[in-house]
Structures are given as structure tokens and as C-alpha cells.
Amino acid sequence: MWRGKAKGPELERLATLAGEASAEAAVAMESMASPRLAEGGKPVPPAPPDLTAAAFFDVDNTMMMGASIFHFARGLAARKYFTASDLAGFAWQQVKFRVGGKEGNVSSIREQGLSFVSGYSVDEMTRVGEEIYDELMADKIWAGTRALAQMHLDAGQRVWLVTATPVELAAIISRRLGLTGALGTVAEHVDGVYTGRLVGDLLHGRAKAHAVRALAAREGLNLRRCTAYSDSSNDIPMLSVCGTAVAVNPDTGLREVARARGWEIRDFRTGRKAARIGVPSVLGAGALAGAVAAGLAYRRR
């Protein structure tokens, strides 16, 4: 009985810690970011700043077709960081989690998921992530969603990605798209090497809302003037903390909530393409993102 009562508060504590850590990482990365460049390599003149409004975009199936972490895992497998059978085995665990919906399975899934990349440095994973983005992700950005992000940038607003994907990979995607920064799952590292722990937990569900609130407090944002975009009902907490919520390529649950609450719906999918995109999402979202972060963090003893 006691465990059941403690489970909720403990999960909330970890979600809050994950959100705060992600916001801290996002601010630190933003301070080190290079100026946005146009196609010719020249710096993009900044729009007059709107310092209290911002936009927050989920990544998987919102900004990018499919799951970013699934594309990343494919790239790691191609580089022999792990085998195809390792990936297939974890994908099956992920399917069972997504279909069964048992949160209690998440810890074991994360630890066994992609722990085989443990012991590598942050610099190496970042370098590999840059390569994999070019190979497997760059052509999977939704043009419609990218245009929405640009609309906010042109209005002088800052734009962050918010994702369960490891923050290092999220930052690469954000940088390549010319956005402000990214909130992602934070794996602890010391002296440039992953230590074996996540900071808090996955940036998933309520943790995303905590991250957005924490970043808003640090950056002086007025959340009533901010906009959040997502495809998933898991992100309703994040969508709800912003003054404007937009459902992009929404799943059934989010579509129903968006209609009930009068949220705008944007769907850039068509026909067979939309159905095909759903497959890597099932295999890759949520716990898979955390598994890579946990794999980066988890050091076999």
C-alpha cells in the first residue's frame, strides 16, 4: 500500500528534476550557440526580439517524420555500436510497452535497451549524431512544421524543441534547423564521459511540462503568450501550460482533446504516407528515446 502511495509523488519528483535539468542544459547550450546562417553562409539578421513569447515543438512526428531516436539507433547499428538483433530485441520490448502501457516496465527497458553504447564520450556521440542527422534525418523534416517554426523566428520569438530524445541529439536537430535550442533527456556526465545516471528521468509526459515551465522562469517568458506544438496525447501536459496549443499530425487521443478544447489542428500527412510514418513512431518514441539516453548513461559494472 505504501509503495502505491509513494509511486505518484516519486514519479512527479523525478519528472520535475528531469524538467529542471533539461531547462538548465538548454540555457547553457543556447549561450554557446553560433549565429544562425543563411544558405550562403552569411549570418541571418535577427528579427526585432519578442522577449516574452516563444514556441515549443515536439520532435517525433511533429517536426520530423518518424522517431528521431529510431533514426539515430539505425545509424549507430550501421556503425557497429550494436547489432541488428540488439535493435530488434529492444524494438519488441518497446512494442510491448507501447501496447500494454505498463509504466513499471520502463526502468528495465531503459537499462537493457541501448546500454551497449555506454562508456563513450559526449564528444564522440555528438560527432556521430551530426553524421547520422545528415544521413537519415535531414530529409525527414516536415516542411509545414518547419515553416511554422520559421514564422515564430521571423516574429522575433525564440523556438525550442522539446523531446524525450537525449539532449545532445536534440541540440543537433535544433542547430541544423536554425532554432534557438532544445529541451531533451539529460544523461549525467563528468569530464566529458557519461557517468551511469540520468538526471531525474526521461523528458516525457509531465516532465516536458516541467521543462517548459522551468525554461520560462529562467528566460522571463510569459507562457500565456507562448505556443506549443505536438502530435501526441502524451504531450497534453506541455500543450496545456502554453497559451496556444496546436496539434500537428495528431494521434487519435490528441485529435479528440484538440477538438474538445478548440485547439488548432494541422495535419501534413496524406494517405499511405501517414500510415507508414506511424510504424517507426510505435517502435521509437518515448521509452526508446529514454533507452538511448540511459544507454549513454548506463555503465555496465
Protein backbone atom coordinates (compact mmCIF):
# COMPACT_ATOMS: atom_id res chain seq x y z
CA MET A 1 0.00 0.00 0.00
CA TRP A 2 2.78 2.42 0.98
CA ARG A 3 4.58 1.82 -2.31
CA GLY A 4 1.44 2.58 -4.27
CA LYS A 5 1.04 5.89 -2.44
CA ALA A 6 4.68 6.78 -2.87
CA LYS A 7 4.85 5.93 -6.56
CA GLY A 8 2.97 9.02 -7.76
CA PRO A 9 4.95 11.59 -5.72
CA GLU A 10 8.25 9.92 -6.61
CA LEU A 11 7.46 9.93 -10.33
CA GLU A 12 6.45 13.57 -10.08
CA ARG A 13 9.71 14.39 -8.27
CA LEU A 14 11.74 12.70 -10.99
CA ALA A 15 9.72 14.44 -13.71
CA THR A 16 10.35 17.80 -12.06
CA LEU A 17 14.07 17.06 -11.73
CA ALA A 18 14.24 15.98 -15.38
CA GLY A 19 12.49 19.15 -16.47
CA GLU A 20 14.75 21.43 -14.47
CA ALA A 21 17.88 19.66 -15.70
CA SER A 22 16.70 19.92 -19.28
CA ALA A 23 15.99 23.65 -18.94
CA GLU A 24 19.44 24.22 -17.42
CA ALA A 25 21.08 22.30 -20.29
CA ALA A 26 19.06 24.25 -22.86
CA VAL A 27 20.14 27.60 -21.45
CA ALA A 28 23.78 26.50 -21.34
CA MET A 29 23.71 25.25 -24.93
CA GLU A 30 21.98 28.42 -26.15
CA SER A 31 24.75 30.55 -24.69
CA MET A 32 27.31 28.60 -26.73
CA ALA A 33 25.31 28.51 -29.97
CA SER A 34 26.67 30.03 -33.16
CA PRO A 35 24.69 32.69 -35.06
CA ARG A 36 22.06 31.40 -37.49
CA LEU A 37 23.39 31.25 -41.03
CA ALA A 38 21.59 31.68 -44.34
CA GLU A 39 22.19 29.23 -47.21
CA GLY A 40 25.07 31.37 -48.46
CA GLY A 41 26.81 31.12 -45.11
CA LYS A 42 26.10 34.70 -44.04
CA PRO A 43 24.57 35.40 -40.61
CA VAL A 44 20.80 35.84 -40.64
CA PRO A 45 19.87 39.34 -39.39
CA PRO A 46 17.88 38.87 -36.19
CA ALA A 47 14.25 39.98 -36.12
CA PRO A 48 13.29 42.58 -33.51
CA PRO A 49 13.18 40.47 -30.35
CA ASP A 50 9.93 39.50 -28.70
CA LEU A 51 11.41 38.51 -25.36
CA THR A 52 8.34 37.17 -23.59
CA ALA A 53 6.86 34.92 -26.31
CA ALA A 54 8.28 31.64 -27.61
CA ALA A 55 7.33 28.40 -29.34
CA PHE A 56 7.91 24.81 -28.23
CA PHE A 57 7.91 21.94 -30.73
CA ASP A 58 7.82 18.23 -30.06
CA VAL A 59 10.11 16.37 -32.49
CA ASP A 60 8.88 12.87 -33.37
CA ASN A 61 6.07 13.01 -35.97
CA THR A 62 5.68 16.73 -35.24
CA MET A 63 8.89 18.26 -36.61
CA MET A 64 10.32 15.04 -38.06
CA MET A 65 8.76 12.09 -39.86
CA GLY A 66 9.01 9.12 -37.53
CA ALA A 67 11.08 8.92 -34.36
CA SER A 68 14.39 10.76 -34.29
CA ILE A 69 15.84 8.27 -31.84
CA PHE A 70 14.92 5.38 -34.13
CA HIS A 71 16.86 7.02 -36.96
CA PHE A 72 19.75 7.60 -34.55
CA ALA A 73 19.69 3.95 -33.45
CA ARG A 74 19.75 2.81 -37.08
CA GLY A 75 22.83 4.95 -37.64
CA LEU A 76 24.53 3.54 -34.56
CA ALA A 77 23.77 -0.01 -35.70
CA ALA A 78 25.25 0.73 -39.12
CA ARG A 79 28.43 1.82 -37.34
CA LYS A 80 28.54 -1.42 -35.33
CA TYR A 81 27.85 0.20 -31.97
CA PHE A 82 25.41 -2.66 -31.59
CA THR A 83 23.88 -5.37 -33.76
CA ALA A 84 20.65 -5.52 -35.71
CA SER A 85 19.43 -8.26 -33.36
CA ASP A 86 20.07 -5.97 -30.38
CA LEU A 87 17.91 -3.31 -32.02
CA ALA A 88 15.20 -5.80 -32.96
CA GLY A 89 15.10 -7.18 -29.43
CA PHE A 90 14.69 -3.77 -27.93
CA ALA A 91 12.09 -2.78 -30.53
CA TRP A 92 10.00 -5.76 -29.44
CA GLN A 93 10.23 -4.68 -25.79
CA GLN A 94 9.18 -1.20 -26.89
CA VAL A 95 6.16 -2.51 -28.79
CA LYS A 96 5.03 -4.43 -25.69
CA PHE A 97 5.42 -1.30 -23.59
CA ARG A 98 3.51 0.89 -26.02
CA VAL A 99 0.69 -1.61 -26.45
CA GLY A 100 0.48 -2.72 -22.82
CA GLY A 101 1.03 0.74 -21.38
CA LYS A 102 2.67 -0.53 -18.18
CA GLU A 103 4.84 2.24 -16.80
CA GLY A 104 6.53 -0.17 -14.42
CA ASN A 105 8.41 -1.75 -17.32
CA VAL A 106 10.22 1.46 -18.25
CA SER A 107 13.25 1.07 -15.96
CA SER A 108 14.14 -2.41 -17.19
CA ILE A 109 13.53 -1.42 -20.80
CA ARG A 110 15.80 1.61 -20.49
CA GLU A 111 18.64 -0.31 -18.88
CA GLN A 112 18.62 -3.24 -21.28
CA GLY A 113 17.73 -1.08 -24.27
CA LEU A 114 20.87 0.52 -25.62
CA SER A 115 23.32 0.15 -22.74
CA PHE A 116 25.87 -1.11 -25.26
CA VAL A 117 26.82 2.50 -26.12
CA SER A 118 27.83 3.12 -22.50
CA GLY A 119 31.36 4.35 -21.87
CA TYR A 120 31.57 6.58 -24.94
CA SER A 121 32.31 10.27 -24.63
CA VAL A 122 29.87 13.10 -25.19
CA ASP A 123 32.09 14.41 -27.99
CA GLU A 124 32.01 11.09 -29.85
CA MET A 125 28.25 10.71 -29.59
CA THR A 126 27.81 14.31 -30.76
CA ARG A 127 30.11 13.77 -33.74
CA VAL A 128 28.30 10.58 -34.70
CA GLY A 129 24.95 12.29 -34.19
CA GLU A 130 25.93 15.02 -36.68
CA GLU A 131 26.75 12.37 -39.28
CA ILE A 132 23.54 10.44 -38.68
CA TYR A 133 21.47 13.61 -38.96
CA ASP A 134 22.86 14.22 -42.44
CA GLU A 135 22.37 10.61 -43.49
CA LEU A 136 18.99 9.71 -42.03
CA MET A 137 17.16 12.73 -40.64
CA ALA A 138 17.71 15.83 -42.76
CA ASP A 139 15.26 14.72 -45.45
CA LYS A 140 12.58 13.74 -42.92
CA ILE A 141 11.74 17.21 -41.62
CA TRP A 142 8.11 18.17 -42.15
CA ALA A 143 8.21 21.28 -44.37
CA GLY A 144 4.90 22.50 -42.94
CA THR A 145 6.10 22.29 -39.34
CA ARG A 146 9.44 23.84 -40.26
CA ALA A 147 7.52 26.76 -41.77
CA LEU A 148 5.58 27.19 -38.53
CA ALA A 149 8.85 27.37 -36.59
CA GLN A 150 10.22 29.92 -39.05
CA MET A 151 7.09 32.01 -38.58
CA HIS A 152 7.92 32.36 -34.89
CA LEU A 153 11.58 33.14 -35.62
CA ASP A 154 10.57 35.81 -38.12
CA ALA A 155 8.38 37.36 -35.42
CA GLY A 156 11.43 37.66 -33.16
CA GLN A 157 10.39 34.79 -30.92
CA ARG A 158 12.68 32.03 -29.71
CA VAL A 159 11.93 28.43 -30.68
CA TRP A 160 12.86 25.32 -28.71
CA LEU A 161 12.44 21.64 -29.44
CA VAL A 162 11.06 19.57 -26.53
CA THR A 163 11.71 15.84 -26.74
CA ALA A 164 12.47 12.64 -24.82
CA THR A 165 15.42 12.21 -27.17
CA PRO A 166 18.84 12.74 -25.49
CA VAL A 167 19.56 16.43 -25.25
CA GLU A 168 22.77 16.13 -27.29
CA LEU A 169 20.86 14.75 -30.29
CA ALA A 170 18.01 17.21 -29.77
CA ALA A 171 20.53 20.07 -29.83
CA ILE A 172 21.93 18.84 -33.15
CA ILE A 173 18.47 18.84 -34.73
CA SER A 174 17.72 22.28 -33.34
CA ARG A 175 21.02 23.71 -34.56
CA ARG A 176 20.61 22.27 -38.06
CA LEU A 177 17.14 23.81 -38.29
CA GLY A 178 18.39 27.20 -37.13
CA LEU A 179 16.27 27.15 -33.97
CA THR A 180 17.10 28.58 -30.56
CA GLY A 181 17.75 25.37 -28.68
CA ALA A 182 16.36 22.13 -27.33
CA LEU A 183 14.97 20.57 -24.19
CA GLY A 184 15.78 16.85 -24.02
CA THR A 185 16.55 13.96 -21.70
CA VAL A 186 19.75 14.68 -19.74
CA ALA A 187 22.29 11.96 -19.04
CA GLU A 188 24.80 12.90 -16.37
CA HIS A 189 28.42 13.15 -17.50
CA VAL A 190 31.66 14.05 -15.75
CA ASP A 191 34.81 15.13 -17.59
CA GLY A 192 33.01 14.52 -20.89
CA VAL A 193 32.11 10.87 -20.15
CA TYR A 194 28.68 9.54 -19.25
CA THR A 195 28.62 8.52 -15.59
CA GLY A 196 25.87 5.93 -15.43
CA ARG A 197 22.89 8.02 -14.33
CA LEU A 198 20.08 10.02 -15.82
CA VAL A 199 19.38 13.39 -14.25
CA GLY A 200 15.87 12.82 -12.99
CA ASP A 201 14.10 10.71 -15.60
CA LEU A 202 13.03 10.78 -19.23
CA LEU A 203 11.77 14.08 -20.59
CA HIS A 204 8.40 12.55 -21.36
CA GLY A 205 4.80 13.38 -20.48
CA ARG A 206 4.60 15.65 -17.45
CA ALA A 207 8.38 16.13 -17.43
CA LYS A 208 8.07 18.13 -20.66
CA ALA A 209 5.62 20.50 -18.98
CA HIS A 210 8.02 20.93 -16.06
CA ALA A 211 10.86 21.66 -18.50
CA VAL A 212 8.84 24.32 -20.33
CA ARG A 213 7.87 25.98 -17.03
CA ALA A 214 11.47 25.88 -15.80
CA LEU A 215 12.80 27.38 -19.02
CA ALA A 216 10.11 30.07 -19.00
CA ALA A 217 11.13 31.06 -15.46
CA ARG A 218 14.81 31.25 -16.44
CA GLU A 219 14.17 33.17 -19.67
CA GLY A 220 11.41 35.53 -18.48
CA LEU A 221 8.78 34.09 -20.80
CA ASN A 222 5.08 34.70 -20.40
CA LEU A 223 3.60 31.26 -21.01
CA ARG A 224 0.24 32.80 -21.91
CA ARG A 225 2.00 34.27 -24.96
CA CYS A 226 3.77 31.02 -25.86
CA THR A 227 2.73 28.32 -28.33
CA ALA A 228 3.26 24.56 -28.08
CA TYR A 229 3.07 22.02 -30.90
CA SER A 230 2.82 18.22 -30.69
CA ASP A 231 1.38 15.12 -32.33
CA SER A 232 0.87 13.04 -29.19
CA SER A 233 -1.68 12.82 -26.40
CA ASN A 234 1.31 12.16 -24.11
CA ASP A 235 2.17 15.85 -24.56
CA ILE A 236 -1.17 17.25 -23.38
CA PRO A 237 0.50 18.49 -20.16
CA MET A 238 3.03 20.50 -22.21
CA LEU A 239 0.37 21.78 -24.60
CA SER A 240 -1.79 22.83 -21.67
CA VAL A 241 0.81 25.06 -20.00
CA CYS A 242 1.07 27.37 -23.03
CA GLY A 243 -1.46 29.97 -24.03
CA THR A 244 -1.81 28.48 -27.50
CA ALA A 245 -1.72 24.77 -28.33
CA VAL A 246 -1.53 23.30 -31.82
CA ALA A 247 -1.99 19.61 -32.63
CA VAL A 248 0.29 18.65 -35.53
CA ASN A 249 -0.24 15.30 -37.26
CA PRO A 250 -2.20 14.30 -34.14
CA ASP A 251 -2.83 10.80 -32.87
CA THR A 252 -6.43 9.84 -32.15
CA GLY A 253 -6.31 10.83 -28.50
CA LEU A 254 -4.84 14.25 -29.13
CA ARG A 255 -7.22 14.93 -32.02
CA GLU A 256 -10.18 14.31 -29.73
CA VAL A 257 -8.79 16.57 -26.99
CA ALA A 258 -7.89 19.29 -29.50
CA ARG A 259 -11.43 19.31 -30.88
CA ALA A 260 -12.93 19.38 -27.39
CA ARG A 261 -10.69 22.28 -26.28
CA GLY A 262 -10.79 24.23 -29.53
CA TRP A 263 -7.09 23.81 -30.27
CA GLU A 264 -5.90 24.32 -33.84
CA ILE A 265 -5.12 21.13 -35.79
CA ARG A 266 -2.50 20.96 -38.56
CA ASP A 267 -2.06 17.68 -40.42
CA PHE A 268 0.70 17.46 -43.02
CA ARG A 269 0.25 13.73 -43.67
CA THR A 270 -1.55 12.24 -46.65
CA GLY A 271 -2.86 8.74 -47.34
CA ARG A 272 -0.42 5.85 -47.25
CA LYS A 273 2.43 8.13 -46.22
CA ALA A 274 0.69 8.93 -42.94
CA ALA A 275 0.16 5.27 -42.15
CA ARG A 276 3.75 4.40 -42.96
CA ILE A 277 5.12 7.11 -40.68
CA GLY A 278 3.29 5.63 -37.72
CA VAL A 279 5.42 2.47 -37.65
CA PRO A 280 8.76 3.95 -36.56
CA SER A 281 6.86 6.08 -34.08
CA VAL A 282 5.50 3.00 -32.34
CA LEU A 283 8.94 1.44 -32.31
CA GLY A 284 10.84 4.54 -31.40
CA ALA A 285 9.06 7.14 -29.32
CA GLY A 286 9.08 7.69 -25.58
CA ALA A 287 10.85 4.78 -23.94
CA LEU A 288 13.22 4.25 -26.88
CA ALA A 289 14.39 7.83 -26.58
CA GLY A 290 15.00 7.24 -22.91
CA ALA A 291 16.76 3.97 -23.62
CA VAL A 292 19.37 5.73 -25.72
CA ALA A 293 19.84 8.35 -23.00
CA ALA A 294 20.04 5.59 -20.42
CA GLY A 295 22.40 3.69 -22.65
CA LEU A 296 24.64 6.71 -22.82
CA ALA A 297 24.40 6.99 -19.06
CA TYR A 298 24.43 3.34 -18.02
CA ARG A 299 27.85 1.85 -17.37
CA ARG A 300 27.94 -1.93 -17.02
CA ARG A 301 29.58 -2.90 -13.75
